[in-house]
């Protein structure tokens, strides 16, 4: 049986310090993947993507 994307992302080791952990790493990586698949090619575009979809998920 294969694991889903979120389960695989949760296995990634978090290299950030405690101070830099506002959101779980798996969630940040998921947003980056979703934004990239939507055509966002830079950090500014990814930030805009998150702002546009903020209403979809109250964790943002």
N, C-alpha and C. Protein backbone atom coordinates (compact mmCIF):
# COMPACT_ATOMS: atom_id res chain seq x y z
N UNK A 1 0.84 -1.18 0.00
CA UNK A 1 0.00 0.00 0.00
C UNK A 1 0.89 1.24 0.00
N UNK A 2 0.53 2.22 -0.80
CA UNK A 2 1.35 3.42 -0.89
C UNK A 2 0.82 4.51 0.04
N UNK A 3 1.73 5.32 0.53
CA UNK A 3 1.36 6.43 1.41
C UNK A 3 0.97 7.63 0.57
N UNK A 4 0.14 8.49 1.11
CA UNK A 4 -0.27 9.70 0.43
C UNK A 4 0.81 10.77 0.52
N UNK A 5 0.59 11.84 -0.22
CA UNK A 5 1.56 12.94 -0.26
C UNK A 5 1.81 13.54 1.12
N UNK A 6 0.75 13.79 1.86
CA UNK A 6 0.93 14.42 3.18
C UNK A 6 1.72 13.51 4.11
N UNK A 7 1.45 12.23 4.07
CA UNK A 7 2.20 11.30 4.92
C UNK A 7 3.68 11.30 4.56
N UNK A 8 3.98 11.39 3.27
CA UNK A 8 5.38 11.44 2.84
C UNK A 8 6.03 12.76 3.25
N UNK A 9 5.30 13.86 3.13
CA UNK A 9 5.85 15.16 3.52
C UNK A 9 6.12 15.22 5.03
N UNK A 10 5.31 14.54 5.81
CA UNK A 10 5.51 14.51 7.26
C UNK A 10 6.78 13.77 7.65
N UNK A 11 7.33 12.96 6.76
CA UNK A 11 8.57 12.22 7.03
C UNK A 11 9.82 13.08 6.81
N UNK A 12 9.68 14.23 6.17
CA UNK A 12 10.83 15.10 5.90
C UNK A 12 11.30 15.71 7.21
N UNK A 13 12.59 15.61 7.46
CA UNK A 13 13.17 16.15 8.70
C UNK A 13 13.12 17.67 8.67
N UNK A 14 12.65 18.27 9.74
CA UNK A 14 12.55 19.72 9.83
C UNK A 14 13.88 20.29 10.30
N UNK A 15 14.53 21.05 9.46
CA UNK A 15 15.85 21.61 9.74
C UNK A 15 15.77 22.97 10.42
N UNK A 16 14.58 23.54 10.53
CA UNK A 16 14.43 24.89 11.07
C UNK A 16 14.59 24.89 12.59
N UNK A 17 14.99 26.05 13.14
CA UNK A 17 15.05 26.20 14.59
C UNK A 17 13.63 26.37 15.12
N UNK A 18 13.43 26.16 16.40
CA UNK A 18 12.09 26.32 16.99
C UNK A 18 11.54 27.72 16.74
N UNK A 19 12.41 28.71 16.70
CA UNK A 19 11.97 30.09 16.48
C UNK A 19 11.36 30.27 15.09
N UNK A 20 11.81 29.51 14.13
CA UNK A 20 11.33 29.65 12.76
C UNK A 20 10.20 28.71 12.39
N UNK A 21 9.53 28.13 13.38
CA UNK A 21 8.49 27.13 13.09
C UNK A 21 7.10 27.66 13.40
N UNK A 22 6.60 28.54 12.56
CA UNK A 22 5.24 29.04 12.76
C UNK A 22 4.21 28.00 12.31
N UNK A 23 4.52 27.31 11.20
CA UNK A 23 3.65 26.27 10.65
C UNK A 23 4.46 24.99 10.51
N UNK A 24 3.79 23.85 10.55
CA UNK A 24 4.51 22.58 10.36
C UNK A 24 5.17 22.54 8.98
N UNK A 25 6.34 21.94 8.90
CA UNK A 25 7.09 21.89 7.64
C UNK A 25 6.29 21.21 6.54
N UNK A 26 5.58 20.12 6.86
CA UNK A 26 4.81 19.42 5.83
C UNK A 26 3.78 20.34 5.20
N UNK A 27 3.19 21.23 5.99
CA UNK A 27 2.18 22.15 5.48
C UNK A 27 2.82 23.20 4.57
N UNK A 28 3.97 23.71 4.96
CA UNK A 28 4.69 24.69 4.12
C UNK A 28 5.09 24.04 2.79
N UNK A 29 5.61 22.82 2.85
CA UNK A 29 6.00 22.11 1.63
C UNK A 29 4.79 21.85 0.74
N UNK A 30 3.66 21.51 1.34
CA UNK A 30 2.45 21.28 0.57
C UNK A 30 2.01 22.54 -0.16
N UNK A 31 2.08 23.69 0.52
CA UNK A 31 1.73 24.96 -0.12
C UNK A 31 2.68 25.29 -1.27
N UNK A 32 3.96 25.01 -1.08
CA UNK A 32 4.94 25.25 -2.15
C UNK A 32 4.64 24.37 -3.35
N UNK A 33 4.32 23.11 -3.11
CA UNK A 33 3.99 22.20 -4.20
C UNK A 33 2.73 22.66 -4.93
N UNK A 34 1.70 23.00 -4.17
CA UNK A 34 0.44 23.44 -4.78
C UNK A 34 0.64 24.74 -5.56
N UNK A 35 1.40 25.67 -4.99
CA UNK A 35 1.66 26.93 -5.68
C UNK A 35 2.46 26.72 -6.95
N UNK A 36 3.46 25.88 -6.90
CA UNK A 36 4.29 25.59 -8.07
C UNK A 36 3.44 24.94 -9.16
N UNK A 37 2.59 24.02 -8.78
CA UNK A 37 1.71 23.37 -9.76
C UNK A 37 0.72 24.36 -10.37
N UNK A 38 0.45 25.46 -9.66
CA UNK A 38 -0.46 26.48 -10.16
C UNK A 38 0.25 27.55 -10.98
N UNK A 39 1.57 27.40 -11.14
CA UNK A 39 2.32 28.34 -11.97
C UNK A 39 3.11 29.38 -11.23
N UNK A 40 3.18 29.31 -9.91
CA UNK A 40 3.95 30.26 -9.12
C UNK A 40 5.43 29.88 -9.22
N UNK A 41 6.24 30.80 -9.70
CA UNK A 41 7.64 30.49 -9.94
C UNK A 41 8.61 31.17 -8.99
N UNK A 42 8.13 31.94 -8.06
CA UNK A 42 9.02 32.62 -7.12
C UNK A 42 8.35 32.81 -5.78
N UNK A 43 9.13 33.28 -4.81
CA UNK A 43 8.59 33.43 -3.45
C UNK A 43 7.48 34.48 -3.39
N UNK A 44 7.59 35.52 -4.16
CA UNK A 44 6.53 36.53 -4.20
C UNK A 44 5.23 35.96 -4.72
N UNK A 45 5.33 35.18 -5.78
CA UNK A 45 4.14 34.54 -6.35
C UNK A 45 3.55 33.54 -5.38
N UNK A 46 4.42 32.80 -4.67
CA UNK A 46 3.92 31.84 -3.68
C UNK A 46 3.20 32.56 -2.54
N UNK A 47 3.72 33.69 -2.13
CA UNK A 47 3.06 34.48 -1.10
C UNK A 47 1.68 34.94 -1.55
N UNK A 48 1.59 35.38 -2.80
CA UNK A 48 0.29 35.77 -3.36
C UNK A 48 -0.67 34.59 -3.42
N UNK A 49 -0.14 33.42 -3.79
CA UNK A 49 -0.95 32.20 -3.85
C UNK A 49 -1.55 31.90 -2.48
N UNK A 50 -0.73 31.97 -1.43
CA UNK A 50 -1.21 31.68 -0.08
C UNK A 50 -2.27 32.70 0.33
N UNK A 51 -2.05 33.97 0.04
CA UNK A 51 -3.03 35.01 0.39
C UNK A 51 -4.36 34.78 -0.33
N UNK A 52 -4.30 34.40 -1.61
CA UNK A 52 -5.52 34.16 -2.38
C UNK A 52 -6.31 32.97 -1.84
N UNK A 53 -5.62 31.98 -1.31
CA UNK A 53 -6.28 30.76 -0.86
C UNK A 53 -6.43 30.70 0.66
N UNK A 54 -6.19 31.80 1.32
CA UNK A 54 -6.26 31.83 2.78
C UNK A 54 -7.65 31.48 3.30
N UNK A 55 -8.68 31.86 2.59
CA UNK A 55 -10.04 31.58 3.03
C UNK A 55 -10.37 30.10 2.95
N UNK A 56 -9.65 29.35 2.13
CA UNK A 56 -9.92 27.92 1.97
C UNK A 56 -9.51 27.11 3.18
N UNK A 57 -8.52 27.59 3.93
CA UNK A 57 -8.02 26.83 5.07
C UNK A 57 -7.68 27.80 6.19
N UNK A 58 -8.29 27.65 7.32
CA UNK A 58 -8.09 28.60 8.42
C UNK A 58 -6.74 28.48 9.10
N UNK A 59 -5.88 27.51 8.70
CA UNK A 59 -4.55 27.39 9.29
C UNK A 59 -3.57 28.37 8.68
N UNK A 60 -3.91 29.03 7.57
CA UNK A 60 -2.96 29.92 6.89
C UNK A 60 -2.90 31.26 7.57
